[in-house]
Amino acid sequence: MQKYNIEQLNHGRKVIDFMYWDYLAFYISIILSIISITIILTQGFNWGLDFTGGNIIEITLSKPIELDKIRNYLNQNGYKDPLIQNFGNSRNIVIRLRFSKENINKDISENIITIIKKKIDNQATLQRIEFIGPNISNELTQTGIIAILSSLISVLIYVSIRFEWRLAIGAVISLIHDLIITLGAISLFKIEVDMTILASLMSVIGYSLNDSIVVSDRIRENFLTIQIGTTYEILNVSLTQTLSRTLITSGTSLLVILMLYFLGGLVMKGFSLVMIIGITIGTFSSIYISSTLALKMGIKRKHLL
């Protein structure tokens, strides 16, 4: 394989000194991780019906009605803490009732549509009724946890086989870092955790892994092709070479997710917000966390030969 020095390989372009900020970036990540864990432990999560069980009722109104008005009437009639959202347009609403002793009733859906017809809109029509029992919600919770743990274990096995162990550990820790901070944001903003949010978390893991692999692959390649240069310099040139690809990929992804956030309605807000946070944190960690950890663990050219 032909050998190059750093100037030849980077075609004379300026190499950005990313590693100059490695300690600052590392400390910021540690602080954010500690804050996220603290928020999760103290505030917990806003579990959706997929995990708690309950009723989902879709109703079409003859005209738009303020959601607070519907919520107040349901509270007055004994249905505690209903989650009410518009669906598709301002006349379609979704009412979600969590599984609780107060909300156990075989005729709950008929009772709610009767209340709405009497108090709010006598032309309202019932479109869909769905009930998620506690047994189903427990199974979904277990399945969700198993899915995330399985993905992390699979990633660990994959990167361990493909890369030198220092790069592999850096990539895996950066994934865990991204997941912790994203979960902290979900807890902080009280985002309702349902199967859609679980899907967004899996997407964040895949996105972060892809970024880390691209950076790690370039680091390995440069260690083999750059003849003269320290580990510090090789990491900087590798990150500089992958920066444009990282920014373009992250930028285009964020553009699409932002459109979903602003134009996708309430149904997509939770999913898109989690994706925005995950992509942002994943881009940061792929540049600093995995590379910084590999540098601190003493990776050298001889380890990759």
Protein backbone atom coordinates (compact mmCIF):
# COMPACT_ATOMS: atom_id res chain seq x y z
CA MET A 1 0.00 0.00 0.00
CA GLN A 2 1.34 3.44 -0.93
CA LYS A 3 2.32 5.68 2.01
CA TYR A 4 1.59 9.41 2.33
CA ASN A 5 2.28 12.21 4.76
CA ILE A 6 -0.56 14.33 6.15
CA GLU A 7 -0.10 17.23 3.71
CA GLN A 8 -0.20 14.92 0.67
CA LEU A 9 -3.26 13.01 1.85
CA ASN A 10 -5.21 16.16 2.70
CA HIS A 11 -4.19 17.87 -0.57
CA GLY A 12 -2.71 20.85 1.25
CA ARG A 13 -6.02 21.84 2.87
CA LYS A 14 -6.08 23.07 6.45
CA VAL A 15 -6.55 20.36 9.05
CA ILE A 16 -8.99 21.37 11.82
CA ASP A 17 -7.59 20.78 15.30
CA PHE A 18 -10.61 18.93 16.73
CA MET A 19 -8.56 17.25 19.46
CA TYR A 20 -7.60 20.64 20.92
CA TRP A 21 -11.12 20.72 22.41
CA ASP A 22 -11.21 17.07 23.45
CA TYR A 23 -11.18 17.65 27.22
CA LEU A 24 -13.84 20.37 27.02
CA ALA A 25 -16.08 18.18 24.84
CA PHE A 26 -15.49 15.21 27.13
CA TYR A 27 -16.43 17.16 30.26
CA ILE A 28 -19.54 18.57 28.58
CA SER A 29 -20.61 15.03 27.68
CA ILE A 30 -20.03 13.78 31.23
CA ILE A 31 -22.03 16.68 32.69
CA LEU A 32 -24.90 16.15 30.21
CA SER A 33 -24.93 12.41 30.95
CA ILE A 34 -25.04 12.98 34.73
CA ILE A 35 -27.83 15.55 34.34
CA SER A 36 -29.77 13.16 32.06
CA ILE A 37 -29.48 10.25 34.50
CA THR A 38 -30.54 12.50 37.39
CA ILE A 39 -33.61 13.71 35.45
CA ILE A 40 -34.56 10.14 34.53
CA LEU A 41 -34.25 8.93 38.14
CA THR A 42 -36.15 11.88 39.66
CA GLN A 43 -38.76 12.59 37.01
CA GLY A 44 -39.20 9.24 35.27
CA PHE A 45 -40.98 8.90 31.93
CA ASN A 46 -44.38 9.87 30.60
CA TRP A 47 -45.46 6.39 29.56
CA GLY A 48 -48.04 6.21 26.78
CA LEU A 49 -50.96 3.84 26.45
CA ASP A 50 -48.79 1.30 24.64
CA PHE A 51 -47.03 0.69 27.98
CA THR A 52 -49.66 1.56 30.59
CA GLY A 53 -52.80 0.22 28.90
CA GLY A 54 -56.02 2.14 28.36
CA ASN A 55 -58.57 3.29 25.78
CA ILE A 56 -58.11 5.10 22.47
CA ILE A 57 -61.22 6.75 21.02
CA GLU A 58 -61.37 8.61 17.69
CA ILE A 59 -64.25 11.02 17.15
CA THR A 60 -65.18 13.29 14.23
CA LEU A 61 -66.85 16.59 15.17
CA SER A 62 -69.10 18.66 12.93
CA LYS A 63 -67.02 21.77 13.68
CA PRO A 64 -63.72 22.56 15.43
CA ILE A 65 -63.99 22.68 19.24
CA GLU A 66 -61.41 23.83 21.79
CA LEU A 67 -59.70 20.76 23.25
CA ASP A 68 -59.64 22.27 26.75
CA LYS A 69 -63.43 22.45 26.68
CA ILE A 70 -63.71 18.73 25.88
CA ARG A 71 -61.09 17.92 28.53
CA ASN A 72 -62.98 19.85 31.22
CA TYR A 73 -66.28 18.10 30.46
CA LEU A 74 -64.65 14.67 30.65
CA ASN A 75 -62.93 15.54 33.94
CA GLN A 76 -66.24 16.70 35.37
CA ASN A 77 -67.79 13.33 34.45
CA GLY A 78 -65.13 11.28 36.22
CA TYR A 79 -62.67 10.54 33.42
CA LYS A 80 -59.35 11.58 34.94
CA ASP A 81 -56.49 13.13 32.97
CA PRO A 82 -57.67 12.43 29.40
CA LEU A 83 -55.11 13.03 26.66
CA ILE A 84 -56.87 14.80 23.79
CA GLN A 85 -55.30 15.67 20.43
CA ASN A 86 -56.38 16.70 16.96
CA PHE A 87 -55.78 14.04 14.36
CA GLY A 88 -55.43 14.92 10.68
CA ASN A 89 -57.53 18.10 10.93
CA SER A 90 -59.21 20.31 13.55
CA ARG A 91 -62.48 18.30 13.46
CA ASN A 92 -60.95 14.89 14.15
CA ILE A 93 -59.92 14.25 17.74
CA VAL A 94 -58.26 11.35 19.55
CA ILE A 95 -59.08 10.79 23.23
CA ARG A 96 -56.67 8.62 25.20
CA LEU A 97 -57.54 7.39 28.68
CA ARG A 98 -54.88 5.66 30.74
CA PHE A 99 -55.68 2.38 32.45
CA SER A 100 -56.84 3.16 36.00
CA LYS A 101 -59.51 2.15 38.51
CA GLU A 102 -61.50 5.28 37.71
CA ASN A 103 -61.43 4.58 33.97
CA ILE A 104 -62.44 0.89 34.04
CA ASN A 105 -65.81 0.64 32.34
CA LYS A 106 -67.08 -1.66 29.60
CA ASP A 107 -69.16 1.12 28.09
CA ILE A 108 -66.52 3.83 28.45
CA SER A 109 -66.43 4.70 24.74
CA GLU A 110 -70.24 4.92 24.47
CA ASN A 111 -70.33 7.06 27.62
CA ILE A 112 -67.75 9.48 26.25
CA ILE A 113 -69.46 9.91 22.87
CA THR A 114 -72.76 10.45 24.75
CA ILE A 115 -71.16 13.19 26.87
CA ILE A 116 -69.71 14.90 23.80
CA LYS A 117 -73.04 14.75 21.94
CA LYS A 118 -75.00 16.15 24.89
CA LYS A 119 -72.54 18.82 26.03
CA ILE A 120 -70.48 19.80 22.98
CA ASP A 121 -71.57 18.59 19.54
CA ASN A 122 -74.74 16.55 18.92
CA GLN A 123 -73.50 15.60 15.42
CA ALA A 124 -70.25 14.02 16.62
CA THR A 125 -69.58 10.51 15.28
CA LEU A 126 -67.48 7.71 16.73
CA GLN A 127 -64.78 6.48 14.30
CA ARG A 128 -62.64 4.01 16.21
CA ILE A 129 -62.38 2.33 19.61
CA GLU A 130 -59.27 0.54 20.78
CA PHE A 131 -58.47 -0.98 24.16
CA ILE A 132 -54.98 -1.96 25.31
CA GLY A 133 -55.11 -4.18 28.40
CA PRO A 134 -52.46 -4.25 31.14
CA ASN A 135 -51.15 -7.65 30.03
CA ILE A 136 -50.54 -6.42 26.48
CA SER A 137 -48.84 -3.25 27.77
CA ASN A 138 -46.50 -5.32 29.99
CA GLU A 139 -45.56 -7.47 27.00
CA LEU A 140 -44.85 -4.35 24.92
CA THR A 141 -42.66 -2.94 27.70
CA GLN A 142 -40.61 -6.14 27.91
CA THR A 143 -40.36 -6.34 24.12
CA GLY A 144 -39.20 -2.72 23.90
CA ILE A 145 -36.47 -3.18 26.52
CA ILE A 146 -35.31 -6.41 24.86
CA ALA A 147 -35.21 -4.69 21.44
CA ILE A 148 -32.97 -1.85 22.67
CA LEU A 149 -30.65 -4.15 24.65
CA SER A 150 -30.40 -6.57 21.72
CA SER A 151 -29.47 -3.76 19.35
CA LEU A 152 -26.71 -2.54 21.72
CA ILE A 153 -25.32 -6.06 22.15
CA SER A 154 -25.38 -6.62 18.38
CA VAL A 155 -23.56 -3.32 17.84
CA LEU A 156 -20.92 -4.31 20.42
CA ILE A 157 -20.31 -7.64 18.67
CA TYR A 158 -20.18 -6.01 15.21
CA VAL A 159 -17.74 -3.20 16.03
CA SER A 160 -15.57 -5.57 18.10
CA ILE A 161 -15.12 -7.80 15.04
CA ARG A 162 -14.65 -4.96 12.54
CA PHE A 163 -12.39 -2.59 14.50
CA GLU A 164 -9.45 -2.66 16.90
CA TRP A 165 -10.80 -2.85 20.46
CA ARG A 166 -9.97 0.77 21.34
CA LEU A 167 -12.02 2.07 18.41
CA ALA A 168 -14.75 -0.46 19.19
CA ILE A 169 -15.06 0.61 22.83
CA GLY A 170 -15.16 4.27 21.77
CA ALA A 171 -17.98 3.57 19.29
CA VAL A 172 -20.06 1.59 21.81
CA ILE A 173 -19.63 4.15 24.61
CA SER A 174 -20.62 6.94 22.22
CA LEU A 175 -23.83 4.98 21.44
CA ILE A 176 -24.63 4.57 25.15
CA HIS A 177 -23.84 8.29 25.64
CA ASP A 178 -26.30 9.25 22.86
CA LEU A 179 -29.01 6.98 24.26
CA ILE A 180 -28.66 8.32 27.83
CA ILE A 181 -28.84 11.98 26.77
CA THR A 182 -31.77 11.32 24.42
CA LEU A 183 -33.66 9.48 27.18
CA GLY A 184 -32.89 12.38 29.52
CA ALA A 185 -34.44 14.80 27.01
CA ILE A 186 -37.52 12.55 26.68
CA SER A 187 -37.93 12.64 30.47
CA LEU A 188 -37.24 16.39 30.72
CA PHE A 189 -39.76 17.41 28.05
CA LYS A 190 -42.31 14.81 29.26
CA ILE A 191 -42.57 13.31 25.78
CA GLU A 192 -45.16 10.53 25.78
CA VAL A 193 -43.29 7.25 25.38
CA ASP A 194 -45.09 4.94 22.97
CA MET A 195 -44.01 2.51 20.25
CA THR A 196 -43.30 5.45 17.91
CA ILE A 197 -40.76 6.85 20.40
CA LEU A 198 -39.22 3.40 20.71
CA ALA A 199 -38.81 3.35 16.92
CA SER A 200 -37.15 6.78 17.05
CA LEU A 201 -34.70 5.53 19.70
CA MET A 202 -33.78 2.58 17.48
CA SER A 203 -33.28 5.03 14.60
CA VAL A 204 -31.01 7.20 16.77
CA ILE A 205 -28.89 4.14 17.63
CA GLY A 206 -28.58 3.23 13.94
CA TYR A 207 -27.78 6.81 12.91
CA SER A 208 -25.14 7.26 15.63
CA LEU A 209 -23.58 3.90 14.79
CA ASN A 210 -23.34 4.80 11.11
CA ASP A 211 -21.55 8.07 11.91
CA SER A 212 -19.14 6.40 14.33
CA ILE A 213 -18.30 3.65 11.83
CA VAL A 214 -17.54 6.18 9.06
CA VAL A 215 -15.18 8.12 11.35
CA SER A 216 -13.55 4.97 12.79
CA ASP A 217 -13.06 3.51 9.30
CA ARG A 218 -11.31 6.68 8.13
CA ILE A 219 -9.09 6.69 11.23
CA ARG A 220 -8.06 3.09 10.56
CA GLU A 221 -7.43 3.82 6.88
CA ASN A 222 -5.29 6.87 7.66
CA PHE A 223 -3.23 5.00 10.22
CA LEU A 224 -2.33 2.57 7.43
CA THR A 225 -1.68 5.19 4.72
CA ILE A 226 -0.11 8.13 6.58
CA GLN A 227 3.59 7.41 7.10
CA ILE A 228 4.57 10.49 9.08
CA GLY A 229 2.25 11.83 11.78
CA THR A 230 1.30 11.38 15.44
CA THR A 231 -1.93 9.77 16.61
CA TYR A 232 -3.20 13.25 17.54
CA GLU A 233 -2.56 14.52 13.99
CA ILE A 234 -4.05 11.45 12.31
CA LEU A 235 -7.26 11.76 14.32
CA ASN A 236 -7.53 15.43 13.36
CA VAL A 237 -7.02 14.79 9.65
CA SER A 238 -9.52 11.90 9.74
CA LEU A 239 -12.18 14.04 11.38
CA THR A 240 -11.46 16.88 8.94
CA GLN A 241 -11.89 14.55 5.96
CA THR A 242 -15.21 13.18 7.22
CA LEU A 243 -16.56 16.56 8.42
CA SER A 244 -18.24 17.55 5.15
CA ARG A 245 -19.92 14.15 4.85
CA THR A 246 -21.08 14.33 8.49
CA LEU A 247 -22.48 17.85 8.13
CA ILE A 248 -24.25 17.10 4.83
CA THR A 249 -25.79 13.88 6.17
CA SER A 250 -26.83 15.45 9.47
CA GLY A 251 -28.08 18.63 7.78
CA THR A 252 -30.29 16.86 5.24
CA SER A 253 -31.64 14.50 7.91
CA LEU A 254 -32.42 17.39 10.26
CA LEU A 255 -34.14 19.29 7.44
CA VAL A 256 -36.55 16.40 6.84
CA ILE A 257 -37.14 15.85 10.58
CA LEU A 258 -37.79 19.57 11.13
CA MET A 259 -40.43 19.47 8.38
CA LEU A 260 -42.06 16.53 10.18
CA TYR A 261 -41.92 18.44 13.47
CA PHE A 262 -43.59 21.59 12.13
CA LEU A 263 -45.89 20.07 9.51
CA GLY A 264 -46.53 16.52 10.71
CA GLY A 265 -49.06 17.42 13.40
CA LEU A 266 -49.13 16.39 17.05
CA VAL A 267 -48.85 12.70 16.21
CA MET A 268 -45.33 13.19 14.78
CA LYS A 269 -44.03 15.81 17.23
CA GLY A 270 -42.70 13.35 19.80
CA PHE A 271 -41.01 11.16 17.19
CA SER A 272 -39.45 14.09 15.33
CA LEU A 273 -38.26 15.86 18.52
CA VAL A 274 -36.48 12.70 19.69
CA MET A 275 -34.87 12.34 16.26
CA ILE A 276 -33.71 15.99 16.28
CA ILE A 277 -32.08 15.55 19.70
CA GLY A 278 -30.60 12.16 18.78
CA ILE A 279 -29.11 13.29 15.46
CA THR A 280 -27.59 16.41 17.06
CA ILE A 281 -26.03 14.47 19.94
CA GLY A 282 -24.99 11.63 17.61
CA THR A 283 -23.13 14.02 15.31
CA PHE A 284 -21.29 15.53 18.28
CA SER A 285 -20.37 12.14 19.77
CA SER A 286 -19.14 10.69 16.46
CA ILE A 287 -16.66 13.56 16.22
CA TYR A 288 -15.53 13.66 19.83
CA ILE A 289 -16.58 10.80 22.09
CA SER A 290 -15.45 7.75 20.09
CA SER A 291 -12.31 9.44 18.73
CA THR A 292 -11.35 11.05 22.05
CA LEU A 293 -11.71 7.76 23.92
CA ALA A 294 -9.54 5.96 21.35
CA LEU A 295 -6.89 8.68 21.77
CA LYS A 296 -6.99 8.49 25.58
CA MET A 297 -6.71 4.69 25.50
CA GLY A 298 -3.46 5.07 23.56
CA ILE A 299 -4.33 3.83 20.08
CA LYS A 300 -1.29 3.74 17.79
CA ARG A 301 -0.41 2.67 14.25
CA LYS A 302 1.04 -0.64 15.41
CA HIS A 303 -2.35 -1.65 16.88
CA LEU A 304 -3.93 -1.60 13.40
CA LEU A 305 -1.19 -3.34 11.44
